[in-house]
C-alpha atoms as a PDB file:
ATOM      1  CA  MET A   1       0.000   0.000   0.000  1.00  0.00           C
ATOM      2  CA  GLN A   2       1.332   3.386  -0.956  1.00  0.00           C
ATOM      3  CA  THR A   3       2.187   5.624   1.960  1.00  0.00           C
ATOM      4  CA  VAL A   4       0.981   9.202   1.653  1.00  0.00           C
ATOM      5  CA  SER A   5       3.230  11.774   3.270  1.00  0.00           C
ATOM      6  CA  THR A   6       1.442  14.197   5.570  1.00  0.00           C
ATOM      7  CA  SER A   7       4.387  16.585   5.845  1.00  0.00           C
ATOM      8  CA  SER A   8       3.915  19.932   4.208  1.00  0.00           C
ATOM      9  CA  ALA A   9       6.287  21.204   1.556  1.00  0.00           C
ATOM     10  CA  PRO A  10       8.864  23.670   2.838  1.00  0.00           C
ATOM     11  CA  ASP A  11       8.373  27.337   2.050  1.00  0.00           C
ATOM     12  CA  PRO A  12      10.820  28.103  -0.788  1.00  0.00           C
ATOM     13  CA  SER A  13      11.058  31.742   0.233  1.00  0.00           C
ATOM     14  CA  PRO A  14      13.371  32.426   3.187  1.00  0.00           C
ATOM     15  CA  ARG A  15      12.416  34.832   5.934  1.00  0.00           C
ATOM     16  CA  ILE A  16      14.062  38.214   5.589  1.00  0.00           C
ATOM     17  CA  ARG A  17      15.776  39.514   8.703  1.00  0.00           C
ATOM     18  CA  ILE A  18      16.548  43.228   8.624  1.00  0.00           C
ATOM     19  CA  ILE A  19      19.166  44.335  11.107  1.00  0.00           C
ATOM     20  CA  ALA A  20      18.856  48.115  11.339  1.00  0.00           C
ATOM     21  CA  LEU A  21      21.420  50.428  12.950  1.00  0.00           C
ATOM     22  CA  GLY A  22      21.276  54.186  13.322  1.00  0.00           C
ATOM     23  CA  ASP A  23      20.284  57.185  15.420  1.00  0.00           C
ATOM     24  CA  GLU A  24      17.062  58.275  17.106  1.00  0.00           C
ATOM     25  CA  LEU A  25      15.239  58.802  13.807  1.00  0.00           C
ATOM     26  CA  LEU A  26      15.551  55.078  13.176  1.00  0.00           C
ATOM     27  CA  ALA A  27      13.569  54.598  16.395  1.00  0.00           C
ATOM     28  CA  GLY A  28      10.869  56.998  15.166  1.00  0.00           C
ATOM     29  CA  ILE A  29      11.317  59.560  17.923  1.00  0.00           C
ATOM     30  CA  GLY A  30       8.426  62.028  17.860  1.00  0.00           C
ATOM     31  CA  ASP A  31       6.166  59.733  15.821  1.00  0.00           C
ATOM     32  CA  ALA A  32       2.786  59.333  17.526  1.00  0.00           C
ATOM     33  CA  ARG A  33       2.341  56.018  15.717  1.00  0.00           C
ATOM     34  CA  ALA A  34       5.784  54.798  16.858  1.00  0.00           C
ATOM     35  CA  LEU A  35       6.590  53.485  13.390  1.00  0.00           C
ATOM     36  CA  GLY A  36       9.198  55.888  12.086  1.00  0.00           C
ATOM     37  CA  TRP A  37      10.222  55.689   8.445  1.00  0.00           C
ATOM     38  CA  LEU A  38      11.538  52.137   8.699  1.00  0.00           C
ATOM     39  CA  GLY A  39       8.317  50.708  10.134  1.00  0.00           C
ATOM     40  CA  ARG A  40       6.293  52.381   7.407  1.00  0.00           C
ATOM     41  CA  ALA A  41       8.598  51.189   4.623  1.00  0.00           C
ATOM     42  CA  VAL A  42       8.637  47.603   5.885  1.00  0.00           C
ATOM     43  CA  ALA A  43       4.860  47.557   6.371  1.00  0.00           C
ATOM     44  CA  SER A  44       4.454  48.644   2.763  1.00  0.00           C
ATOM     45  CA  GLU A  45       6.610  45.745   1.555  1.00  0.00           C
ATOM     46  CA  GLN A  46       5.325  42.978   3.830  1.00  0.00           C
ATOM     47  CA  GLY A  47       2.491  41.741   1.657  1.00  0.00           C
ATOM     48  CA  ALA A  48       0.352  38.717   2.511  1.00  0.00           C
ATOM     49  CA  ALA A  49       3.395  36.507   3.214  1.00  0.00           C
ATOM     50  CA  SER A  50       4.535  38.773   6.075  1.00  0.00           C
ATOM     51  CA  ARG A  51       8.039  37.327   6.091  1.00  0.00           C
ATOM     52  CA  VAL A  52      10.107  40.397   6.969  1.00  0.00           C
ATOM     53  CA  ASP A  53      11.392  40.669  10.549  1.00  0.00           C
ATOM     54  CA  VAL A  54      13.096  43.799  11.866  1.00  0.00           C
ATOM     55  CA  PHE A  55      15.732  43.817  14.594  1.00  0.00           C
ATOM     56  CA  ALA A  56      16.659  47.448  15.189  1.00  0.00           C
ATOM     57  CA  SER A  57      19.283  49.074  17.388  1.00  0.00           C
ATOM     58  CA  ALA A  58      19.053  52.869  17.571  1.00  0.00           C
ATOM     59  CA  LEU A  59      21.314  55.132  19.633  1.00  0.00           C
ATOM     60  CA  PRO A  60      20.531  58.800  20.329  1.00  0.00           C
ATOM     61  CA  GLY A  61      23.131  60.994  18.683  1.00  0.00           C
ATOM     62  CA  GLU A  62      24.732  58.131  16.758  1.00  0.00           C
ATOM     63  CA  THR A  63      27.823  59.273  14.857  1.00  0.00           C
ATOM     64  CA  SER A  64      29.531  57.397  12.056  1.00  0.00           C
ATOM     65  CA  ALA A  65      32.406  56.795  14.488  1.00  0.00           C
ATOM     66  CA  SER A  66      30.229  55.081  17.084  1.00  0.00           C
ATOM     67  CA  LEU A  67      28.514  53.094  14.341  1.00  0.00           C
ATOM     68  CA  ALA A  68      31.902  51.924  13.050  1.00  0.00           C
ATOM     69  CA  GLU A  69      32.810  50.781  16.570  1.00  0.00           C
ATOM     70  CA  ARG A  70      29.620  48.862  17.367  1.00  0.00           C
ATOM     71  CA  TRP A  71      28.235  47.550  14.082  1.00  0.00           C
ATOM     72  CA  ASP A  72      29.949  44.162  14.106  1.00  0.00           C
ATOM     73  CA  ASP A  73      28.851  43.240  17.622  1.00  0.00           C
ATOM     74  CA  GLU A  74      25.297  44.465  16.990  1.00  0.00           C
ATOM     75  CA  VAL A  75      25.002  42.522  13.742  1.00  0.00           C
ATOM     76  CA  GLU A  76      26.541  39.363  15.184  1.00  0.00           C
ATOM     77  CA  ARG A  77      24.054  39.365  18.079  1.00  0.00           C
ATOM     78  CA  ARG A  78      21.134  39.531  15.692  1.00  0.00           C
ATOM     79  CA  MET A  79      22.346  36.983  13.144  1.00  0.00           C
ATOM     80  CA  ASP A  80      21.343  33.345  12.957  1.00  0.00           C
ATOM     81  CA  ARG A  81      24.427  31.669  11.527  1.00  0.00           C
ATOM     82  CA  THR A  82      22.738  28.302  11.117  1.00  0.00           C
ATOM     83  CA  ALA A  83      19.793  29.810   9.259  1.00  0.00           C
ATOM     84  CA  GLN A  84      22.169  31.868   7.129  1.00  0.00           C
ATOM     85  CA  ALA A  85      24.053  28.716   6.170  1.00  0.00           C
ATOM     86  CA  ASP A  86      20.969  26.692   5.248  1.00  0.00           C
ATOM     87  CA  GLY A  87      19.286  29.614   3.487  1.00  0.00           C
ATOM     88  CA  SER A  88      16.199  29.756   5.687  1.00  0.00           C
ATOM     89  CA  ILE A  89      16.917  33.354   6.731  1.00  0.00           C
ATOM     90  CA  ASP A  90      18.105  36.079   4.374  1.00  0.00           C
ATOM     91  CA  HIS A  91      20.009  38.614   6.507  1.00  0.00           C
ATOM     92  CA  ARG A  92      20.166  42.256   5.427  1.00  0.00           C
ATOM     93  CA  VAL A  93      21.402  45.436   7.094  1.00  0.00           C
ATOM     94  CA  VAL A  94      19.872  48.911   6.954  1.00  0.00           C
ATOM     95  CA  LEU A  95      22.105  51.791   8.044  1.00  0.00           C
ATOM     96  CA  ALA A  96      20.414  55.068   9.006  1.00  0.00           C
ATOM     97  CA  MET A  97      23.107  57.734   8.883  1.00  0.00           C
ATOM     98  CA  GLY A  98      22.270  60.832  10.920  1.00  0.00           C
ATOM     99  CA  ARG A  99      23.639  64.351  11.281  1.00  0.00           C
ATOM    100  CA  ALA A 100      25.521  63.816  14.563  1.00  0.00           C
ATOM    101  CA  ASP A 101      28.925  63.907  12.838  1.00  0.00           C
ATOM    102  CA  LEU A 102      28.379  67.650  12.346  1.00  0.00           C
ATOM    103  CA  ASP A 103      27.997  68.393  16.059  1.00  0.00           C
ATOM    104  CA  ALA A 104      30.821  66.005  16.924  1.00  0.00           C
ATOM    105  CA  GLY A 105      33.229  67.845  14.626  1.00  0.00           C
ATOM    106  CA  ILE A 106      34.016  64.742  12.572  1.00  0.00           C
ATOM    107  CA  SER A 107      35.548  65.623   9.216  1.00  0.00           C
ATOM    108  CA  LEU A 108      33.946  64.526   5.966  1.00  0.00           C
ATOM    109  CA  ALA A 109      36.992  62.385   5.233  1.00  0.00           C
ATOM    110  CA  ARG A 110      36.648  60.581   8.550  1.00  0.00           C
ATOM    111  CA  SER A 111      32.878  60.173   8.068  1.00  0.00           C
ATOM    112  CA  ARG A 112      33.571  58.550   4.719  1.00  0.00           C
ATOM    113  CA  LEU A 113      36.125  56.188   6.231  1.00  0.00           C
ATOM    114  CA  ASN A 114      33.784  55.220   9.052  1.00  0.00           C
ATOM    115  CA  LEU A 115      30.970  54.277   6.690  1.00  0.00           C
ATOM    116  CA  ALA A 116      33.388  52.487   4.373  1.00  0.00           C
ATOM    117  CA  LYS A 117      34.628  50.391   7.293  1.00  0.00           C
ATOM    118  CA  VAL A 118      31.102  49.238   8.079  1.00  0.00           C
ATOM    119  CA  LEU A 119      30.173  48.505   4.463  1.00  0.00           C
ATOM    120  CA  ASP A 120      33.382  46.609   3.780  1.00  0.00           C
ATOM    121  CA  GLY A 121      32.817  44.562   6.923  1.00  0.00           C
ATOM    122  CA  LEU A 122      29.303  43.681   5.823  1.00  0.00           C
ATOM    123  CA  GLU A 123      30.645  42.689   2.426  1.00  0.00           C
ATOM    124  CA  ARG A 124      33.024  40.246   4.107  1.00  0.00           C
ATOM    125  CA  LEU A 125      30.029  38.758   5.940  1.00  0.00           C
ATOM    126  CA  ARG A 126      28.120  38.577   2.639  1.00  0.00           C
ATOM    127  CA  ILE A 127      25.282  40.685   4.049  1.00  0.00           C
ATOM    128  CA  PRO A 128      23.654  43.193   1.648  1.00  0.00           C
ATOM    129  CA  ALA A 129      23.402  46.768   2.910  1.00  0.00           C
ATOM    130  CA  PHE A 130      20.944  49.607   2.279  1.00  0.00           C
ATOM    131  CA  VAL A 131      21.927  53.097   3.444  1.00  0.00           C
ATOM    132  CA  VAL A 132      19.649  56.035   4.235  1.00  0.00           C
ATOM    133  CA  GLY A 133      21.193  59.465   4.632  1.00  0.00           C
ATOM    134  CA  PRO A 134      20.406  62.308   7.050  1.00  0.00           C
ATOM    135  CA  PRO A 135      17.313  64.484   6.512  1.00  0.00           C
ATOM    136  CA  PRO A 136      17.178  68.302   6.559  1.00  0.00           C
ATOM    137  CA  SER A 137      17.238  70.228   9.829  1.00  0.00           C
ATOM    138  CA  ARG A 138      15.093  73.170  10.838  1.00  0.00           C
ATOM    139  CA  ASP A 139      18.396  75.100  10.953  1.00  0.00           C
ATOM    140  CA  PRO A 140      19.628  76.131   7.472  1.00  0.00           C
ATOM    141  CA  GLY A 141      23.286  75.880   8.480  1.00  0.00           C
ATOM    142  CA  THR A 142      22.843  72.343   9.760  1.00  0.00           C
ATOM    143  CA  THR A 143      20.946  71.433   6.614  1.00  0.00           C
ATOM    144  CA  GLN A 144      23.829  72.639   4.459  1.00  0.00           C
ATOM    145  CA  GLY A 145      26.211  70.549   6.517  1.00  0.00           C
ATOM    146  CA  ALA A 146      23.879  67.571   6.142  1.00  0.00           C
ATOM    147  CA  ARG A 147      23.899  68.003   2.359  1.00  0.00           C
ATOM    148  CA  GLU A 148      27.686  67.829   2.306  1.00  0.00           C
ATOM    149  CA  LEU A 149      27.696  64.862   4.668  1.00  0.00           C
ATOM    150  CA  SER A 150      25.064  63.084   2.595  1.00  0.00           C
ATOM    151  CA  GLY A 151      27.120  63.646  -0.533  1.00  0.00           C
ATOM    152  CA  ALA A 152      30.115  62.013   1.132  1.00  0.00           C
ATOM    153  CA  PHE A 153      28.040  59.022   2.263  1.00  0.00           C
ATOM    154  CA  GLU A 154      26.485  58.671  -1.176  1.00  0.00           C
ATOM    155  CA  ASP A 155      29.905  58.587  -2.841  1.00  0.00           C
ATOM    156  CA  VAL A 156      31.066  55.804  -0.520  1.00  0.00           C
ATOM    157  CA  CYS A 157      27.967  53.765  -1.378  1.00  0.00           C
ATOM    158  CA  SER A 158      28.194  54.491  -5.104  1.00  0.00           C
ATOM    159  CA  ARG A 159      31.753  53.171  -5.259  1.00  0.00           C
ATOM    160  CA  ARG A 160      30.502  49.906  -3.732  1.00  0.00           C
ATOM    161  CA  ARG A 161      27.255  49.771  -5.722  1.00  0.00           C
ATOM    162  CA  ILE A 162      25.215  49.905  -2.537  1.00  0.00           C
ATOM    163  CA  PRO A 163      21.784  51.612  -2.647  1.00  0.00           C
ATOM    164  CA  TYR A 164      21.690  55.016  -0.978  1.00  0.00           C
ATOM    165  CA  VAL A 165      18.733  57.304  -0.275  1.00  0.00           C
ATOM    166  CA  ASP A 166      19.536  61.034  -0.164  1.00  0.00           C
ATOM    167  CA  THR A 167      16.768  62.229   2.150  1.00  0.00           C
ATOM    168  CA  VAL A 168      18.170  65.721   2.622  1.00  0.00           C
ATOM    169  CA  GLY A 169      18.157  66.268  -1.142  1.00  0.00           C
ATOM    170  CA  GLY A 170      14.653  64.881  -1.433  1.00  0.00           C
ATOM    171  CA  LEU A 171      13.148  66.866   1.435  1.00  0.00           C
ATOM    172  CA  ILE A 172      14.936  70.217   1.490  1.00  0.00           C
ATOM    173  CA  GLY A 173      12.414  72.952   0.803  1.00  0.00           C
ATOM    174  CA  HIS A 174       9.504  70.496   1.006  1.00  0.00           C
ATOM    175  CA  GLU A 175       6.589  72.439   2.514  1.00  0.00           C
ATOM    176  CA  GLN A 176       5.051  69.504   4.392  1.00  0.00           C
ATOM    177  CA  TRP A 177       8.412  68.430   5.810  1.00  0.00           C
ATOM    178  CA  GLU A 178       9.297  71.918   7.011  1.00  0.00           C
ATOM    179  CA  SER A 179       5.853  72.416   8.539  1.00  0.00           C
ATOM    180  CA  ASP A 180       6.063  69.084  10.335  1.00  0.00           C
ATOM    181  CA  VAL A 181       9.542  69.711  11.758  1.00  0.00           C
ATOM    182  CA  SER A 182       8.599  73.244  12.819  1.00  0.00           C
ATOM    183  CA  ARG A 183       5.863  71.794  15.055  1.00  0.00           C
ATOM    184  CA  SER A 184       8.234  69.318  16.711  1.00  0.00           C
ATOM    185  CA  PRO A 185       9.750  70.101  20.128  1.00  0.00           C
ATOM    186  CA  GLY A 186      13.019  68.687  18.768  1.00  0.00           C
ATOM    187  CA  ASP A 187      14.790  68.778  15.425  1.00  0.00           C
ATOM    188  CA  HIS A 188      12.966  65.716  14.157  1.00  0.00           C
ATOM    189  CA  PRO A 189       9.798  64.988  12.155  1.00  0.00           C
ATOM    190  CA  GLY A 190       6.392  63.773  13.227  1.00  0.00           C
ATOM    191  CA  GLN A 191       4.008  61.447  11.413  1.00  0.00           C
ATOM    192  CA  THR A 192       3.985  63.461   8.191  1.00  0.00           C
ATOM    193  CA  GLY A 193       7.765  63.754   8.030  1.00  0.00           C
ATOM    194  CA  TYR A 194       8.351  60.078   8.680  1.00  0.00           C
ATOM    195  CA  GLY A 195       5.813  59.272   5.983  1.00  0.00           C
ATOM    196  CA  LEU A 196       7.782  61.419   3.544  1.00  0.00           C
ATOM    197  CA  MET A 197      11.045  59.703   4.494  1.00  0.00           C
ATOM    198  CA  ALA A 198       9.413  56.300   4.004  1.00  0.00           C
ATOM    199  CA  TRP A 199       8.181  57.408   0.573  1.00  0.00           C
ATOM    200  CA  LEU A 200      11.738  58.322  -0.438  1.00  0.00           C
ATOM    201  CA  VAL A 201      13.061  55.010   0.855  1.00  0.00           C
ATOM    202  CA  LEU A 202      10.412  53.034  -1.020  1.00  0.00           C
ATOM    203  CA  HIS A 203      11.079  54.963  -4.225  1.00  0.00           C
ATOM    204  CA  GLY A 204      14.802  54.535  -3.650  1.00  0.00           C
ATOM    205  CA  GLY A 205      14.618  50.830  -4.390  1.00  0.00           C
ATOM    206  CA  PHE A 206      13.886  49.381  -0.948  1.00  0.00           C
ATOM    207  CA  GLY A 207      11.491  46.741  -2.272  1.00  0.00           C
ATOM    208  CA  THR A 208      13.852  45.721  -5.060  1.00  0.00           C
ATOM    209  CA  TRP A 209      16.700  45.436  -2.567  1.00  0.00           C
ATOM    210  CA  LEU A 210      14.578  43.269  -0.287  1.00  0.00           C
ATOM    211  CA  GLY A 211      13.332  41.197  -3.196  1.00  0.00           C
ATOM    212  CA  THR A 212       9.716  41.813  -2.186  1.00  0.00           C
ATOM    213  CA  SER A 213       8.872  43.914  -5.242  1.00  0.00           C
ATOM    214  CA  SER A 214      10.363  44.672  -8.637  1.00  0.00           C
END
């Protein structure tokens, strides 16, 4: 008599584990919905399969220097080496680069080197990276500094063919962004601003990078 197997076929699509590192904007500070831009972007890409998991580590005032010091330990803690080896979990890293280098007096050259160190380390681990740059500030001088910093970060990513989202370039002068930030008690957005950042991330190839959309 033929035996019929009752075991279900394995899901051919691995779970996607996003390990996200960055500053307080990554944590969605000031967002009444507590989603931030990352939560909104991931929610948009989840779909019916709902196979994207997010493990985030945000530090207030994160500089590129502190990120370069902690990234490997933070990523290692959130990785599943066994699942990476058997292909059941697809690990990916999102880096949210903030404006803290400006206040810390870190030179553009050093900021570039710090980001390059992280990206090259992730390449050695065979983990794809997606980088989001700093948004505009309510202060014009800080915004100009953020534009220069973003340009440096973008160049580092471009040389490594890593996707980069220039949020300061996409949001500077945007009426809704400026109105939202002006109502904030801190130099950060609220629900509207985070929605705009998520829109830029989604239109910057986030779904293609994840493999959840074309």
